[in-house]
């Protein structure tokens, strides 16, 4: 599931990915993000993967579809986690979206929020 973080404000949204993500999770999150994009023009996103356990096949497709549709609508993407593959995911995200992307360890979450506000 996705959980919107309380620090979210204005054109910045923080989202925690918890457990294994499924299609239903994207059906709930995508309209929120698209509403923000419609209102703000472009947004900054913090994705917290500390409690993330993977994607279902359909959720993976949902993720790619959203990324393709909105590849230039996200200015900055901060990926927060505690695993090496999450840092690699930040590098790969650069291939699929125009956003400036940066990885932060879970101990650096405050720095991630500050970076998004710059």
N, C-alpha and C. Protein backbone atom coordinates (compact mmCIF):
# COMPACT_ATOMS: atom_id res chain seq x y z
N UNK A 1 0.84 -1.19 0.00
CA UNK A 1 0.00 0.00 0.00
C UNK A 1 0.88 1.24 0.00
N UNK A 2 0.30 2.34 -0.42
CA UNK A 2 0.96 3.63 -0.37
C UNK A 2 0.35 4.44 0.76
N UNK A 3 1.19 5.17 1.46
CA UNK A 3 0.72 6.04 2.54
C UNK A 3 1.31 7.43 2.31
N UNK A 4 0.45 8.45 2.22
CA UNK A 4 0.93 9.82 2.04
C UNK A 4 1.53 10.31 3.36
N UNK A 5 2.71 10.89 3.27
CA UNK A 5 3.42 11.33 4.47
C UNK A 5 2.91 12.70 4.91
N UNK A 6 2.83 12.94 6.22
CA UNK A 6 2.27 14.20 6.74
C UNK A 6 3.09 15.44 6.38
N UNK A 7 4.36 15.27 6.02
CA UNK A 7 5.19 16.42 5.65
C UNK A 7 4.83 16.97 4.27
N UNK A 8 4.01 16.27 3.52
CA UNK A 8 3.62 16.69 2.18
C UNK A 8 2.93 18.05 2.23
N UNK A 9 3.32 18.94 1.31
CA UNK A 9 2.71 20.28 1.27
C UNK A 9 2.99 20.91 -0.09
N UNK A 10 2.02 21.67 -0.56
CA UNK A 10 2.20 22.40 -1.82
C UNK A 10 2.47 21.45 -2.97
N UNK A 11 3.58 21.67 -3.66
CA UNK A 11 3.93 20.85 -4.82
C UNK A 11 4.85 19.68 -4.46
N UNK A 12 4.97 19.40 -3.16
CA UNK A 12 5.83 18.30 -2.70
C UNK A 12 4.97 17.25 -2.00
N UNK A 13 5.12 16.01 -2.44
CA UNK A 13 4.40 14.90 -1.79
C UNK A 13 5.40 13.81 -1.41
N UNK A 14 5.21 13.29 -0.22
CA UNK A 14 5.99 12.15 0.24
C UNK A 14 5.07 10.94 0.33
N UNK A 15 5.56 9.81 -0.15
CA UNK A 15 4.76 8.60 -0.18
C UNK A 15 5.59 7.44 0.36
N UNK A 16 5.02 6.70 1.32
CA UNK A 16 5.66 5.49 1.82
C UNK A 16 5.08 4.30 1.08
N UNK A 17 5.95 3.46 0.54
CA UNK A 17 5.52 2.20 -0.07
C UNK A 17 5.66 1.12 1.00
N UNK A 18 4.55 0.46 1.32
CA UNK A 18 4.57 -0.54 2.39
C UNK A 18 4.10 -1.89 1.85
N UNK A 19 4.85 -2.93 2.18
CA UNK A 19 4.48 -4.27 1.75
C UNK A 19 4.64 -4.43 0.25
N UNK A 20 3.91 -5.38 -0.30
CA UNK A 20 3.93 -5.62 -1.74
C UNK A 20 2.86 -4.76 -2.40
N UNK A 21 3.28 -3.96 -3.38
CA UNK A 21 2.34 -3.07 -4.06
C UNK A 21 1.55 -3.85 -5.11
N UNK A 22 0.25 -3.54 -5.17
CA UNK A 22 -0.64 -4.19 -6.13
C UNK A 22 -1.39 -3.11 -6.91
N UNK A 23 -2.12 -3.54 -7.94
CA UNK A 23 -2.85 -2.63 -8.83
C UNK A 23 -3.73 -1.65 -8.05
N UNK A 24 -4.43 -2.13 -7.05
CA UNK A 24 -5.34 -1.29 -6.25
C UNK A 24 -4.58 -0.10 -5.63
N UNK A 25 -3.34 -0.32 -5.22
CA UNK A 25 -2.55 0.76 -4.63
C UNK A 25 -2.33 1.89 -5.63
N UNK A 26 -2.06 1.54 -6.87
CA UNK A 26 -1.87 2.56 -7.91
C UNK A 26 -3.19 3.24 -8.27
N UNK A 27 -4.27 2.49 -8.22
CA UNK A 27 -5.59 3.08 -8.51
C UNK A 27 -5.93 4.16 -7.49
N UNK A 28 -5.39 4.06 -6.28
CA UNK A 28 -5.62 5.07 -5.25
C UNK A 28 -4.61 6.22 -5.34
N UNK A 29 -3.34 5.92 -5.63
CA UNK A 29 -2.30 6.95 -5.63
C UNK A 29 -2.30 7.82 -6.88
N UNK A 30 -2.43 7.20 -8.04
CA UNK A 30 -2.30 7.94 -9.30
C UNK A 30 -3.25 9.13 -9.40
N UNK A 31 -4.53 9.01 -9.05
CA UNK A 31 -5.41 10.19 -9.12
C UNK A 31 -4.93 11.35 -8.22
N UNK A 32 -4.38 11.03 -7.05
CA UNK A 32 -3.84 12.09 -6.18
C UNK A 32 -2.69 12.82 -6.86
N UNK A 33 -1.78 12.04 -7.44
CA UNK A 33 -0.63 12.65 -8.12
C UNK A 33 -1.07 13.44 -9.34
N UNK A 34 -2.00 12.91 -10.10
CA UNK A 34 -2.47 13.62 -11.30
C UNK A 34 -3.21 14.90 -10.93
N UNK A 35 -3.92 14.90 -9.82
CA UNK A 35 -4.59 16.12 -9.35
C UNK A 35 -3.54 17.17 -8.98
N UNK A 36 -2.49 16.75 -8.28
CA UNK A 36 -1.42 17.69 -7.93
C UNK A 36 -0.76 18.26 -9.18
N UNK A 37 -0.49 17.40 -10.14
CA UNK A 37 0.15 17.84 -11.39
C UNK A 37 -0.75 18.83 -12.11
N UNK A 38 -2.04 18.56 -12.16
CA UNK A 38 -2.99 19.47 -12.82
C UNK A 38 -3.02 20.83 -12.13
N UNK A 39 -2.93 20.84 -10.81
CA UNK A 39 -2.99 22.08 -10.04
C UNK A 39 -1.66 22.82 -10.00
N UNK A 40 -0.55 22.09 -9.93
CA UNK A 40 0.76 22.70 -9.71
C UNK A 40 1.60 22.81 -10.99
N UNK A 41 1.27 22.03 -11.99
CA UNK A 41 2.07 22.02 -13.20
C UNK A 41 3.15 20.96 -13.16
N UNK A 42 3.93 20.94 -12.10
CA UNK A 42 4.97 19.93 -11.90
C UNK A 42 5.13 19.75 -10.40
N UNK A 43 5.56 18.56 -10.00
CA UNK A 43 5.66 18.27 -8.57
C UNK A 43 7.02 17.66 -8.24
N UNK A 44 7.33 17.65 -6.95
CA UNK A 44 8.50 16.96 -6.41
C UNK A 44 7.98 15.82 -5.54
N UNK A 45 8.63 14.66 -5.63
CA UNK A 45 8.14 13.46 -4.95
C UNK A 45 9.24 12.82 -4.12
N UNK A 46 8.89 12.46 -2.88
CA UNK A 46 9.74 11.63 -2.04
C UNK A 46 9.07 10.27 -1.95
N UNK A 47 9.79 9.22 -2.33
CA UNK A 47 9.28 7.85 -2.21
C UNK A 47 10.12 7.14 -1.16
N UNK A 48 9.46 6.69 -0.09
CA UNK A 48 10.13 5.99 1.01
C UNK A 48 9.91 4.49 0.81
N UNK A 49 11.00 3.76 0.55
CA UNK A 49 10.93 2.33 0.28
C UNK A 49 11.41 1.47 1.45
N UNK A 50 11.51 2.06 2.64
CA UNK A 50 12.04 1.31 3.78
C UNK A 50 11.25 0.03 4.06
N UNK A 51 9.93 0.07 3.95
CA UNK A 51 9.08 -1.09 4.25
C UNK A 51 8.49 -1.74 3.00
N UNK A 52 9.12 -1.53 1.87
CA UNK A 52 8.66 -2.02 0.56
C UNK A 52 9.09 -3.47 0.36
N UNK A 53 8.15 -4.30 -0.14
CA UNK A 53 8.44 -5.72 -0.37
C UNK A 53 8.27 -6.16 -1.82
N UNK A 54 8.17 -5.22 -2.74
CA UNK A 54 8.08 -5.59 -4.14
C UNK A 54 6.75 -5.19 -4.78
N UNK A 55 6.62 -5.56 -6.06
CA UNK A 55 5.45 -5.22 -6.87
C UNK A 55 4.79 -6.48 -7.39
N UNK A 56 3.48 -6.43 -7.57
CA UNK A 56 2.82 -7.45 -8.38
C UNK A 56 3.11 -7.11 -9.84
N UNK A 57 2.87 -8.03 -10.74
CA UNK A 57 3.10 -7.77 -12.16
C UNK A 57 2.28 -6.58 -12.63
N UNK A 58 1.00 -6.53 -12.27
CA UNK A 58 0.13 -5.42 -12.70
C UNK A 58 0.60 -4.10 -12.10
N UNK A 59 1.06 -4.10 -10.86
CA UNK A 59 1.56 -2.87 -10.24
C UNK A 59 2.81 -2.37 -10.96
N UNK A 60 3.65 -3.29 -11.41
CA UNK A 60 4.84 -2.91 -12.19
C UNK A 60 4.41 -2.21 -13.47
N UNK A 61 3.41 -2.75 -14.14
CA UNK A 61 2.89 -2.14 -15.36
C UNK A 61 2.29 -0.77 -15.05
N UNK A 62 1.52 -0.68 -13.96
CA UNK A 62 0.94 0.60 -13.55
C UNK A 62 2.02 1.65 -13.33
N UNK A 63 3.11 1.24 -12.69
CA UNK A 63 4.21 2.15 -12.40
C UNK A 63 4.83 2.67 -13.70
N UNK A 64 5.10 1.77 -14.64
CA UNK A 64 5.67 2.18 -15.92
C UNK A 64 4.72 3.08 -16.71
N UNK A 65 3.42 2.77 -16.68
CA UNK A 65 2.45 3.61 -17.39
C UNK A 65 2.40 5.02 -16.82
N UNK A 66 2.39 5.13 -15.49
CA UNK A 66 2.39 6.46 -14.87
C UNK A 66 3.66 7.21 -15.23
N UNK A 67 4.79 6.53 -15.13
CA UNK A 67 6.08 7.16 -15.42
C UNK A 67 6.14 7.64 -16.86
N UNK A 68 5.68 6.84 -17.79
CA UNK A 68 5.69 7.23 -19.20
C UNK A 68 4.78 8.43 -19.45
N UNK A 69 3.59 8.41 -18.89
CA UNK A 69 2.63 9.49 -19.09
C UNK A 69 3.10 10.80 -18.47
N UNK A 70 3.79 10.72 -17.34
CA UNK A 70 4.16 11.93 -16.59
C UNK A 70 5.67 12.11 -16.47
N UNK A 71 6.41 11.62 -17.44
CA UNK A 71 7.87 11.64 -17.37
C UNK A 71 8.45 13.04 -17.17
N UNK A 72 7.75 14.09 -17.63
CA UNK A 72 8.27 15.45 -17.47
C UNK A 72 7.49 16.26 -16.43
N UNK A 73 6.56 15.63 -15.73
CA UNK A 73 5.74 16.35 -14.74
C UNK A 73 6.31 16.28 -13.32
N UNK A 74 7.35 15.51 -13.14
CA UNK A 74 8.01 15.41 -11.83
C UNK A 74 9.38 16.06 -11.97
N UNK A 75 9.60 17.14 -11.20
CA UNK A 75 10.88 17.87 -11.29
C UNK A 75 11.99 17.15 -10.54
N UNK A 76 11.68 16.75 -9.31
CA UNK A 76 12.67 16.05 -8.48
C UNK A 76 12.03 14.82 -7.87
N UNK A 77 12.82 13.75 -7.82
CA UNK A 77 12.38 12.50 -7.21
C UNK A 77 13.43 12.06 -6.21
N UNK A 78 13.06 12.04 -4.93
CA UNK A 78 13.95 11.57 -3.87
C UNK A 78 13.51 10.16 -3.50
N UNK A 79 14.42 9.20 -3.64
CA UNK A 79 14.14 7.82 -3.27
C UNK A 79 14.85 7.54 -1.95
N UNK A 80 14.09 7.14 -0.95
CA UNK A 80 14.62 6.89 0.39
C UNK A 80 14.51 5.40 0.68
N UNK A 81 15.61 4.81 1.14
CA UNK A 81 15.59 3.39 1.45
C UNK A 81 16.80 2.97 2.26
N UNK A 82 16.94 1.66 2.40
CA UNK A 82 18.07 1.13 3.17
C UNK A 82 18.68 -0.10 2.53
N UNK A 83 18.49 -0.25 1.23
CA UNK A 83 19.04 -1.41 0.53
C UNK A 83 19.80 -0.95 -0.71
N UNK A 84 20.83 -1.68 -1.08
CA UNK A 84 21.64 -1.32 -2.23
C UNK A 84 20.83 -1.25 -3.52
N UNK A 85 19.86 -2.17 -3.70
CA UNK A 85 19.10 -2.16 -4.95
C UNK A 85 18.25 -0.91 -5.08
N UNK A 86 17.89 -0.29 -3.96
CA UNK A 86 17.10 0.94 -4.02
C UNK A 86 17.94 2.09 -4.56
N UNK A 87 19.22 2.11 -4.22
CA UNK A 87 20.12 3.11 -4.79
C UNK A 87 20.24 2.89 -6.29
N UNK A 88 20.32 1.63 -6.70
CA UNK A 88 20.37 1.32 -8.14
C UNK A 88 19.07 1.72 -8.84
N UNK A 89 17.94 1.57 -8.14
CA UNK A 89 16.65 1.96 -8.71
C UNK A 89 16.64 3.47 -9.00
N UNK A 90 17.26 4.26 -8.15
CA UNK A 90 17.33 5.71 -8.38
C UNK A 90 18.10 6.00 -9.66
N UNK A 91 19.16 5.25 -9.89
CA UNK A 91 19.94 5.44 -11.13
C UNK A 91 19.11 5.06 -12.35
N UNK A 92 18.38 3.96 -12.25
CA UNK A 92 17.55 3.50 -13.37
C UNK A 92 16.40 4.45 -13.67
N UNK A 93 15.86 5.09 -12.65
CA UNK A 93 14.73 6.00 -12.83
C UNK A 93 15.09 7.12 -13.81
N UNK A 94 16.35 7.49 -13.85
CA UNK A 94 16.80 8.56 -14.75
C UNK A 94 16.59 8.20 -16.21
N UNK A 95 16.54 6.91 -16.51
CA UNK A 95 16.33 6.49 -17.90
C UNK A 95 14.88 6.66 -18.33
N UNK A 96 13.96 6.66 -17.37
CA UNK A 96 12.54 6.65 -17.69
C UNK A 96 11.82 7.97 -17.45
N UNK A 97 12.47 8.88 -16.75
CA UNK A 97 11.81 10.16 -16.47
C UNK A 97 12.83 11.29 -16.52
N UNK A 98 12.31 12.49 -16.72
CA UNK A 98 13.16 13.67 -16.83
C UNK A 98 13.55 14.24 -15.48
N UNK A 99 12.98 13.72 -14.41
CA UNK A 99 13.20 14.26 -13.07
C UNK A 99 14.66 14.15 -12.65
N UNK A 100 15.10 15.15 -11.89
CA UNK A 100 16.38 15.03 -11.20
C UNK A 100 16.14 14.03 -10.07
N UNK A 101 16.90 12.95 -10.06
CA UNK A 101 16.65 11.85 -9.13
C UNK A 101 17.84 11.66 -8.22
N UNK A 102 17.54 11.43 -6.94
CA UNK A 102 18.61 11.26 -5.96
C UNK A 102 18.19 10.23 -4.91
N UNK A 103 19.14 9.39 -4.50
CA UNK A 103 18.89 8.38 -3.48
C UNK A 103 19.37 8.89 -2.12
N UNK A 104 18.57 8.61 -1.09
CA UNK A 104 18.92 8.95 0.29
C UNK A 104 18.72 7.72 1.17
N UNK A 105 19.64 7.47 2.07
CA UNK A 105 19.46 6.42 3.07
C UNK A 105 18.34 6.85 4.01
N UNK A 106 17.71 5.88 4.69
CA UNK A 106 16.61 6.23 5.61
C UNK A 106 17.06 7.20 6.70
N UNK A 107 18.33 7.18 7.03
CA UNK A 107 18.83 8.10 8.06
C UNK A 107 18.96 9.52 7.52
N UNK A 108 18.77 9.70 6.22
CA UNK A 108 18.91 11.01 5.58
C UNK A 108 17.58 11.57 5.08
N UNK A 109 16.48 11.09 5.63
CA UNK A 109 15.17 11.52 5.13
C UNK A 109 14.97 13.03 5.27
N UNK A 110 15.43 13.62 6.35
CA UNK A 110 15.30 15.07 6.52
C UNK A 110 16.03 15.81 5.40
N UNK A 111 17.20 15.32 5.03
CA UNK A 111 17.96 15.93 3.93
C UNK A 111 17.20 15.78 2.61
N UNK A 112 16.51 14.67 2.45
CA UNK A 112 15.72 14.46 1.23
C UNK A 112 14.62 15.50 1.11
N UNK A 113 13.91 15.76 2.22
CA UNK A 113 12.86 16.80 2.21
C UNK A 113 13.46 18.16 1.88
N UNK A 114 14.60 18.48 2.48
CA UNK A 114 15.25 19.78 2.21
C UNK A 114 15.63 19.89 0.74
N UNK A 115 16.17 18.82 0.17
CA UNK A 115 16.56 18.83 -1.23
C UNK A 115 15.36 19.09 -2.13
N UNK A 116 14.22 18.49 -1.81
CA UNK A 116 13.02 18.70 -2.62
C UNK A 116 12.52 20.14 -2.53
N UNK A 117 12.79 20.81 -1.43
CA UNK A 117 12.33 22.18 -1.23
C UNK A 117 13.24 23.21 -1.89
N UNK A 118 14.44 22.81 -2.30
CA UNK A 118 15.39 23.77 -2.91
C UNK A 118 14.89 24.25 -4.26
